[in-house]
Structures are given as C-alpha cells and as structure tokens.
Amino acid sequence: MKGLSITYSLAEQCFDATRSIGLLNLSIGMLESLSRRPEIERFTLFSNDTFTSLNLPNIVKVEIYNQANGRGLRRIIWDQFTVYSAAARAGNDWLFMPKGFVSFLRKCPAKLAAYVPDVIHDFYQRTYPGHFNQLECKYLQMMLRAALRQAKVIFTCSEFTSSELASLSRRWGIEPPPLVAIGTGFEPREKYQSVKPNRLMVLVSPWKHKRTDLAIEYLQRWVKGKDWEIDLIGSLPKDISLPSGKWYLHQRLPESEYRKMMTRARAFINFSEYEGFGLPPVEAILSGTCAVYSDIPASREVLMGLGAPFDNNSYESFAKALDYALNVSPEQLENWANILLERHNWKKGAEKIALSMLKAQQSG
C-alpha cells in the first residue's frame, strides 16, 4: 500500500503575530507527531524564519516562505495563489493546512487536508453582529467554504467543533468531506514544589466571547475583604479598567514565564462562552493548578467535568467553583492530570490523521 507524502504549511503562523497561542502550539505539536508516523514516505514543511527550534525527524524537508508570515495584500497573495504554487513544486500527494483556511480562487494542486479549530466567526455573526470585522469575516468564510468543497478530509479538535462545522455546511448547502475529531496533545508538566502564595491567574481578552467583563465583576466580588493577588494575562477591553489593589495586568508572556506563573497560581480562571476546544484549563490541571472554567459544550467534552466548572450566568456558581478549586489536593490534581494525558495525546491524534488520510487516498 502506498504511503503518504505530505506538504504541511506552518509558514502563515508565528508567535509574535498569532491571535491564538493555543492554535500555534497545536499546529507545532501536530506537525512534530504526524511527521513521525510510519505511514509517511515524504514530508515537506513550509516554514518561516521565526521557527528555530522545531523537533523534527530527518524525513522532513524544510522550505522557508517568509512572505506567508505577513499582513494585508502580502498575506492574501500567499493564501490565494502562492501556497498552491509552492505545493505543486513540492510534488507531494497531499497539502495539509493546519489553520483550515484555503484558497477560493484556485483549485488545490494536491489532495487537500485541513484542520479547523473552530468556527468562531460564525458565532460572532450570530451572537455579536458588528463586533467582528465584516470584510475579514467574509474573507474567512469564503476560505472555509473552499475548504469544505475541496478537502478530502477535515480534522477538528473536538466532536463539538465537528458538529458546528456540519451544521454550518448544511446552512451553506455544502456536502462536507469526512469530519474527524482528533483532539490535541499534551505532555506532562513540572509542578510547583513549595507552598503556593495566595495568587490567582486569570485570562483576559478584548474579544467579547471571552467575557472579561464577567471575570472582573465576579472576581471583584469574590476578593472583597480578602488578601489575594490577581494576575490578569492578556489585554483588557477598552471599556474596562484594571481594578485598584493587588491586580496586575501582563501582556503576552513568553511561554516559559506563562507556564511558571500557571504552576505558582492557587487557581487558574478562564471565562468564555465559545471555544472549539479550550486548551488553557487542561494546561492548568497538568501544571498542578485547579482550573476554574466556564461550563460550555467544548469544555464539557474536553475536561469531562474535571476541575471546577461554573455557570457564566451565576456569581454564586463561580464563587462555589473557585472555593472548591482552592481546596483540591495535589493528589487529586495529579489523578486528573493522568486522566487528561491519557485522553489527549498526539500519539492518538497523529494516528487518526494518518489513517484518515490513507483512507481518503485509497478512495480517490
């Protein structure tokens, strides 16, 4: 049986410009694991000069395309024309696009596989019309439509995202290719070995679905009269100010500092009303910190009730979840971490990808 020859495009991503560190880490993890599968005969990576420490086997041939890591017209030209020309020159049977967006102006010169992490732009159109750049939203939709029409197989991070994508396909009148939920992968993490200080770590964002407004409101109520320090990671919406007292706002942190802060926190707090997967709560538990997170469909699927979920619509639910999280033992956290590592690992995910691509290849 013929093996797989794959061109994988990471060139469009980099740490400094990405909107989603989670998707960037996922794309790298997927690359490093997939390239080691025994079904692979040839593997070409489209990269850029920002990636200097990828852990890749010798089978991977790296080609640098810095023009892909740009904005505006330069990026549009790459998306719509150059990446397909580069794939044709690479000569592999497959082109794998880990961000899920492909050209709608050209036909893919190879068998196309795409990874779709979420359909957040559709959520914004339905829930917060006018709060997502309409021109950008239209552009993303046209590329996603093209992926649904051209791809031989589409991978997602969760069954929830697969169901969202299937629903969107029906509304668009498109018969989608096979949708395969592959999850993501995690590795064991070092834990903090000393007594943790009274410090909370909270993700914040100007994006409306992250519900930073609720995070600030609920935490101000909870912390009143208590001696706690609160680290906010990210950027605040324009209409929200940093509360007075022991509140600290950190812009994007290097991965090593982010992980260190996560291990030292007594609890990790993540508000959201829409996710395709929801990486941070899992990362927190693996770091030995209980995750306090919004009880939404993707998180329910991914975390299986582990940690401390809460109802966005209830301060009482949040306060109860946070109080519970602060009393979870290290032994319980370690047990949860083992369950999550068994469920979410790239060995399983990469195997699903390779076998699904072989199946699609055999069926023509």
Protein backbone atom coordinates (compact mmCIF):
# COMPACT_ATOMS: atom_id res chain seq x y z
CA MET A 1 0.00 0.00 0.00
CA LYS A 2 1.30 3.42 -0.96
CA GLY A 3 2.29 5.60 1.95
CA LEU A 4 1.67 9.31 2.47
CA SER A 5 3.61 12.20 1.00
CA ILE A 6 2.58 15.42 2.72
CA THR A 7 3.28 19.12 2.42
CA TYR A 8 2.44 20.88 5.70
CA SER A 9 2.17 24.67 5.83
CA LEU A 10 3.25 26.33 9.07
CA ALA A 11 4.57 29.40 7.24
CA GLU A 12 1.45 31.50 7.98
CA GLN A 13 1.99 31.41 11.74
CA CYS A 14 4.42 32.90 14.26
CA PHE A 15 4.45 33.62 17.99
CA ASP A 16 4.54 37.43 17.79
CA ALA A 17 1.60 37.85 15.41
CA THR A 18 -0.73 34.97 16.19
CA ARG A 19 -4.14 35.64 17.71
CA SER A 20 -4.12 32.19 19.27
CA ILE A 21 -1.09 30.80 21.06
CA GLY A 22 -3.12 27.63 21.53
CA LEU A 23 -3.55 27.11 17.79
CA LEU A 24 0.13 27.80 17.18
CA ASN A 25 1.20 25.24 19.80
CA LEU A 26 -1.35 22.80 18.41
CA SER A 27 -0.03 23.24 14.85
CA ILE A 28 3.52 22.58 16.05
CA GLY A 29 2.52 19.55 18.13
CA MET A 30 0.54 18.10 15.25
CA LEU A 31 3.49 18.66 12.88
CA GLU A 32 6.07 17.06 15.17
CA SER A 33 3.94 13.97 15.81
CA LEU A 34 2.48 13.48 12.32
CA SER A 35 5.91 13.69 10.68
CA ARG A 36 6.99 10.66 12.74
CA ARG A 37 4.15 8.37 11.72
CA PRO A 38 5.32 5.18 9.93
CA GLU A 39 2.79 5.81 7.14
CA ILE A 40 4.78 8.88 5.99
CA GLU A 41 7.09 8.44 2.99
CA ARG A 42 7.83 12.10 2.23
CA PHE A 43 7.22 15.23 4.28
CA THR A 44 7.77 18.85 3.25
CA LEU A 45 7.34 21.70 5.72
CA PHE A 46 6.58 25.25 4.64
CA SER A 47 8.02 27.36 7.44
CA ASN A 48 9.41 30.84 8.14
CA ASP A 49 12.47 32.20 9.91
CA THR A 50 10.68 32.64 13.26
CA PHE A 51 10.69 28.88 13.86
CA THR A 52 14.18 27.93 15.01
CA SER A 53 13.72 25.03 17.44
CA LEU A 54 11.22 22.62 15.93
CA ASN A 55 11.74 18.98 16.92
CA LEU A 56 11.57 17.25 13.54
CA PRO A 57 12.81 13.91 12.16
CA ASN A 58 15.26 13.74 9.26
CA ILE A 59 12.48 12.89 6.81
CA VAL A 60 11.23 16.50 6.93
CA LYS A 61 12.42 18.83 4.18
CA VAL A 62 12.02 22.47 5.28
CA GLU A 63 11.28 25.27 2.80
CA ILE A 64 11.23 28.89 4.01
CA TYR A 65 8.45 31.25 2.88
CA ASN A 66 8.68 34.43 4.94
CA GLN A 67 6.13 36.18 2.73
CA ALA A 68 3.42 33.95 4.24
CA ASN A 69 4.02 35.47 7.66
CA GLY A 70 2.63 38.87 6.73
CA ARG A 71 -0.45 41.02 6.72
CA GLY A 72 -2.72 42.65 4.17
CA LEU A 73 -2.13 42.14 0.45
CA ARG A 74 1.07 40.18 1.00
CA ARG A 75 -0.77 37.59 3.06
CA ILE A 76 -3.75 37.47 0.66
CA ILE A 77 -1.43 36.72 -2.26
CA TRP A 78 0.10 33.85 -0.26
CA ASP A 79 -3.29 32.47 0.79
CA GLN A 80 -4.88 32.67 -2.63
CA PHE A 81 -2.04 31.91 -5.01
CA THR A 82 1.49 31.30 -3.73
CA VAL A 83 0.86 28.45 -1.29
CA TYR A 84 -0.74 26.32 -4.01
CA SER A 85 2.12 27.07 -6.42
CA ALA A 86 4.62 26.09 -3.73
CA ALA A 87 2.66 22.89 -3.04
CA ALA A 88 2.72 22.00 -6.72
CA ARG A 89 6.52 22.43 -6.80
CA ALA A 90 6.90 20.30 -3.66
CA GLY A 91 5.29 17.45 -5.58
CA ASN A 92 3.66 15.64 -2.66
CA ASP A 93 0.26 13.96 -2.88
CA TRP A 94 -1.21 15.98 0.00
CA LEU A 95 -1.29 19.58 1.18
CA PHE A 96 -2.15 19.92 4.88
CA MET A 97 -3.40 23.34 6.06
CA PRO A 98 -3.46 23.40 9.90
CA LYS A 99 -5.38 26.70 10.13
CA GLY A 100 -8.20 25.39 7.94
CA PHE A 101 -8.35 28.33 5.51
CA VAL A 102 -7.57 27.71 1.84
CA SER A 103 -7.69 29.50 -1.50
CA PHE A 104 -11.10 30.14 -3.05
CA LEU A 105 -9.53 31.49 -6.27
CA ARG A 106 -7.51 28.41 -7.23
CA LYS A 107 -8.04 24.69 -7.19
CA CYS A 108 -5.67 22.82 -4.91
CA PRO A 109 -2.99 21.00 -6.98
CA ALA A 110 -2.83 18.17 -4.43
CA LYS A 111 -5.21 16.26 -2.23
CA LEU A 112 -6.24 18.76 0.45
CA ALA A 113 -6.48 18.12 4.18
CA ALA A 114 -7.41 20.90 6.59
CA TYR A 115 -7.60 21.32 10.33
CA VAL A 116 -10.46 23.55 11.52
CA PRO A 117 -10.07 24.58 15.19
CA ASP A 118 -13.43 26.40 15.46
CA VAL A 119 -15.99 28.48 13.57
CA ILE A 120 -15.77 31.49 15.87
CA HIS A 121 -16.50 33.93 13.03
CA ASP A 122 -19.90 32.29 12.55
CA PHE A 123 -20.56 32.52 16.30
CA TYR A 124 -19.82 36.25 16.18
CA GLN A 125 -22.13 36.80 13.25
CA ARG A 126 -24.94 35.09 15.15
CA THR A 127 -24.20 36.44 18.64
CA TYR A 128 -22.33 39.73 18.27
CA PRO A 129 -23.11 41.08 14.80
CA GLY A 130 -20.95 44.07 14.06
CA HIS A 131 -18.21 43.12 16.53
CA PHE A 132 -16.16 41.13 14.04
CA ASN A 133 -14.62 42.96 11.09
CA GLN A 134 -17.16 42.24 8.36
CA LEU A 135 -14.67 42.25 5.50
CA GLU A 136 -12.36 39.90 7.36
CA CYS A 137 -15.30 37.70 8.37
CA LYS A 138 -16.42 37.42 4.74
CA TYR A 139 -12.89 36.53 3.66
CA LEU A 140 -12.56 33.82 6.30
CA GLN A 141 -15.96 32.40 5.37
CA MET A 142 -15.01 32.18 1.69
CA MET A 143 -11.82 30.31 2.58
CA LEU A 144 -13.69 27.94 4.88
CA ARG A 145 -16.29 27.30 2.17
CA ALA A 146 -13.44 26.44 -0.17
CA ALA A 147 -12.01 24.00 2.38
CA LEU A 148 -15.38 22.29 2.76
CA ARG A 149 -15.68 21.93 -1.01
CA GLN A 150 -12.08 20.99 -1.85
CA ALA A 151 -10.78 18.96 1.08
CA LYS A 152 -10.69 15.18 1.03
CA VAL A 153 -10.84 15.18 4.84
CA ILE A 154 -11.19 17.85 7.52
CA PHE A 155 -9.85 17.41 11.04
CA THR A 156 -11.24 19.17 14.10
CA CYS A 157 -10.19 19.42 17.74
CA SER A 158 -13.46 18.18 19.22
CA GLU A 159 -16.74 16.48 18.43
CA PHE A 160 -18.38 19.81 19.30
CA THR A 161 -16.46 21.61 16.54
CA SER A 162 -17.27 18.80 14.10
CA SER A 163 -20.97 19.26 14.87
CA GLU A 164 -20.67 23.05 14.47
CA LEU A 165 -18.93 22.60 11.13
CA ALA A 166 -21.53 20.08 9.94
CA SER A 167 -24.32 22.49 10.90
CA LEU A 168 -22.61 25.35 9.08
CA SER A 169 -22.15 23.16 5.99
CA ARG A 170 -25.89 22.38 5.94
CA ARG A 171 -26.74 26.09 6.16
CA TRP A 172 -24.39 26.76 3.25
CA GLY A 173 -25.78 23.86 1.21
CA ILE A 174 -22.41 22.09 1.05
CA GLU A 175 -21.84 18.37 1.46
CA PRO A 176 -18.73 18.28 3.65
CA PRO A 177 -15.93 15.73 3.43
CA PRO A 178 -15.41 13.36 6.38
CA LEU A 179 -15.05 15.37 9.60
CA VAL A 180 -12.66 13.66 12.00
CA ALA A 181 -12.23 14.89 15.59
CA ILE A 182 -8.60 14.26 16.55
CA GLY A 183 -8.36 16.33 19.73
CA THR A 184 -4.93 17.66 20.58
CA GLY A 185 -1.92 16.51 22.53
CA PHE A 186 -0.29 17.37 25.83
CA GLU A 187 2.86 16.39 27.67
CA PRO A 188 3.40 16.04 31.45
CA ARG A 189 4.42 19.29 33.13
CA GLU A 190 6.55 20.17 36.11
CA LYS A 191 4.64 21.09 39.26
CA TYR A 192 5.39 23.78 41.82
CA GLN A 193 7.03 22.11 44.80
CA SER A 194 6.55 24.73 47.54
CA VAL A 195 3.51 26.18 49.29
CA LYS A 196 1.70 28.36 46.77
CA PRO A 197 1.08 32.04 47.54
CA ASN A 198 -2.46 33.45 47.56
CA ARG A 199 -2.38 34.31 43.90
CA LEU A 200 -4.90 33.72 41.10
CA MET A 201 -4.18 33.62 37.36
CA VAL A 202 -6.92 34.85 35.02
CA LEU A 203 -7.04 35.02 31.23
CA VAL A 204 -8.50 38.24 29.81
CA SER A 205 -9.11 39.44 26.27
CA PRO A 206 -10.81 42.24 24.33
CA TRP A 207 -12.76 39.59 22.41
CA LYS A 208 -16.36 39.60 23.61
CA HIS A 209 -16.75 35.84 23.81
CA LYS A 210 -14.00 35.69 26.46
CA ARG A 211 -16.33 37.51 28.90
CA THR A 212 -13.63 39.55 30.59
CA ASP A 213 -16.46 41.75 31.87
CA LEU A 214 -17.80 38.86 33.96
CA ALA A 215 -14.32 37.82 35.08
CA ILE A 216 -13.60 41.27 36.52
CA GLU A 217 -17.07 41.66 38.03
CA TYR A 218 -17.17 38.26 39.69
CA LEU A 219 -13.58 38.41 40.96
CA GLN A 220 -14.05 41.87 42.45
CA ARG A 221 -16.99 40.50 44.42
CA TRP A 222 -15.12 37.37 45.49
CA VAL A 223 -11.87 39.08 46.51
CA LYS A 224 -13.52 41.84 48.57
CA GLY A 225 -12.16 41.68 52.12
CA LYS A 226 -9.59 39.00 51.19
CA ASP A 227 -5.82 39.34 50.81
CA TRP A 228 -5.17 37.94 47.33
CA GLU A 229 -3.05 38.93 44.33
CA ILE A 230 -4.59 38.55 40.89
CA ASP A 231 -2.59 38.21 37.67
CA LEU A 232 -4.53 39.09 34.52
CA ILE A 233 -2.95 37.67 31.37
CA GLY A 234 -3.77 39.38 28.08
CA SER A 235 -5.40 42.69 27.19
CA LEU A 236 -8.45 44.33 28.71
CA PRO A 237 -11.38 45.57 26.60
CA LYS A 238 -11.28 49.35 26.03
CA ASP A 239 -14.24 49.94 28.35
CA ILE A 240 -12.76 48.02 31.31
CA SER A 241 -10.06 49.40 33.61
CA LEU A 242 -7.66 47.49 35.81
CA PRO A 243 -9.16 47.33 39.32
CA SER A 244 -7.25 49.01 42.12
CA GLY A 245 -5.38 46.94 44.67
CA LYS A 246 -3.29 43.85 44.06
CA TRP A 247 -4.35 43.38 40.43
CA TYR A 248 -1.59 43.03 37.83
CA LEU A 249 -2.01 43.08 34.05
CA HIS A 250 0.55 41.17 31.97
CA GLN A 251 0.66 41.44 28.20
CA ARG A 252 1.64 38.38 26.20
CA LEU A 253 4.21 36.38 28.17
CA PRO A 254 6.96 34.12 26.83
CA GLU A 255 5.89 30.51 27.10
CA SER A 256 8.34 29.77 29.92
CA GLU A 257 7.05 32.66 32.07
CA TYR A 258 3.44 31.78 31.30
CA ARG A 259 3.99 28.20 32.45
CA LYS A 260 5.85 29.30 35.57
CA MET A 261 3.03 31.63 36.55
CA MET A 262 0.49 28.87 35.95
CA THR A 263 2.27 26.42 38.24
CA ARG A 264 2.51 29.01 41.07
CA ALA A 265 -1.15 30.05 40.98
CA ARG A 266 -3.57 28.68 43.58
CA ALA A 267 -6.22 28.53 40.87
CA PHE A 268 -6.45 29.28 37.14
CA ILE A 269 -9.59 31.08 35.93
CA ASN A 270 -10.90 31.02 32.37
CA PHE A 271 -14.17 32.68 31.33
CA SER A 272 -15.58 32.03 27.86
CA GLU A 273 -18.86 31.47 26.11
CA TYR A 274 -17.49 29.77 23.00
CA GLU A 275 -14.48 27.53 22.36
CA GLY A 276 -13.58 24.91 19.81
CA PHE A 277 -11.54 23.01 22.38
CA GLY A 278 -10.28 25.18 25.24
CA LEU A 279 -6.62 24.41 25.90
CA PRO A 280 -5.80 26.56 28.97
CA PRO A 281 -7.90 24.73 31.60
CA VAL A 282 -6.29 21.44 30.60
CA GLU A 283 -2.83 23.02 30.73
CA ALA A 284 -3.56 24.35 34.21
CA ILE A 285 -4.52 20.95 35.61
CA LEU A 286 -1.42 19.39 34.04
CA SER A 287 0.59 22.11 35.80
CA GLY A 288 -0.83 21.18 39.19
CA THR A 289 -3.26 24.11 39.36
CA CYS A 290 -7.01 23.61 39.53
CA ALA A 291 -8.86 25.15 36.58
CA VAL A 292 -11.98 27.20 37.22
CA TYR A 293 -13.72 27.46 33.85
CA SER A 294 -16.98 28.25 32.10
CA ASP A 295 -19.23 25.23 31.69
CA ILE A 296 -19.73 25.35 27.90
CA PRO A 297 -20.10 22.43 25.43
CA ALA A 298 -16.48 22.17 24.26
CA SER A 299 -15.08 22.38 27.80
CA ARG A 300 -17.61 19.83 29.00
CA GLU A 301 -16.42 17.40 26.33
CA VAL A 302 -12.71 18.05 26.76
CA LEU A 303 -12.46 18.18 30.57
CA MET A 304 -15.17 15.61 31.35
CA GLY A 305 -16.21 17.57 34.44
CA LEU A 306 -12.72 17.57 35.95
CA GLY A 307 -11.61 20.76 37.65
CA ALA A 308 -14.15 23.37 38.73
CA PRO A 309 -16.70 24.29 36.04
CA PHE A 310 -19.21 27.09 36.68
CA ASP A 311 -22.26 28.70 35.10
CA ASN A 312 -21.45 32.04 33.45
CA ASN A 313 -24.86 33.36 34.45
CA SER A 314 -24.37 32.85 38.19
CA TYR A 315 -21.90 34.55 40.51
CA GLU A 316 -22.82 32.00 43.17
CA SER A 317 -21.82 29.19 40.83
CA PHE A 318 -18.48 30.88 40.12
CA ALA A 319 -17.75 31.57 43.80
CA LYS A 320 -18.56 27.98 44.73
CA ALA A 321 -16.30 26.66 41.95
CA LEU A 322 -13.39 28.90 42.99
CA ASP A 323 -13.73 27.99 46.66
CA TYR A 324 -13.78 24.31 45.68
CA ALA A 325 -10.69 24.74 43.47
CA LEU A 326 -8.68 26.24 46.30
CA ASN A 327 -9.19 23.09 48.35
CA VAL A 328 -8.40 20.44 45.75
CA SER A 329 -5.46 18.32 46.89
CA PRO A 330 -2.27 17.84 44.85
CA GLU A 331 -3.06 14.12 44.75
CA GLN A 332 -6.45 14.79 43.14
CA LEU A 333 -4.87 17.15 40.62
CA GLU A 334 -2.29 14.51 39.74
CA ASN A 335 -5.06 11.96 39.20
CA TRP A 336 -6.93 14.37 36.93
CA ALA A 337 -3.72 15.10 35.02
CA ASN A 338 -3.19 11.41 34.29
CA ILE A 339 -6.76 11.07 33.02
CA LEU A 340 -6.32 14.07 30.70
CA LEU A 341 -2.93 12.89 29.40
CA GLU A 342 -4.44 9.53 28.53
CA ARG A 343 -7.37 11.13 26.73
CA HIS A 344 -5.49 13.93 24.93
CA ASN A 345 -2.18 12.92 23.38
CA TRP A 346 -0.62 13.42 19.97
CA LYS A 347 0.22 9.76 19.52
CA LYS A 348 -3.51 9.04 19.22
CA GLY A 349 -4.21 12.22 17.28
CA ALA A 350 -1.45 11.70 14.72
CA GLU A 351 -2.56 8.09 14.21
CA LYS A 352 -6.11 9.28 13.46
CA ILE A 353 -4.79 11.83 10.97
CA ALA A 354 -2.56 9.36 9.12
CA LEU A 355 -5.17 6.59 8.93
CA SER A 356 -7.90 9.02 7.80
CA MET A 357 -5.65 10.40 5.07
CA LEU A 358 -4.74 6.89 3.90
CA LYS A 359 -8.44 6.01 3.74
CA ALA A 360 -9.21 9.14 1.72
CA GLN A 361 -6.23 8.43 -0.56
CA GLN A 362 -7.40 4.90 -1.27
CA SER A 363 -10.93 6.06 -2.06
CA GLY A 364 -9.60 8.56 -4.60
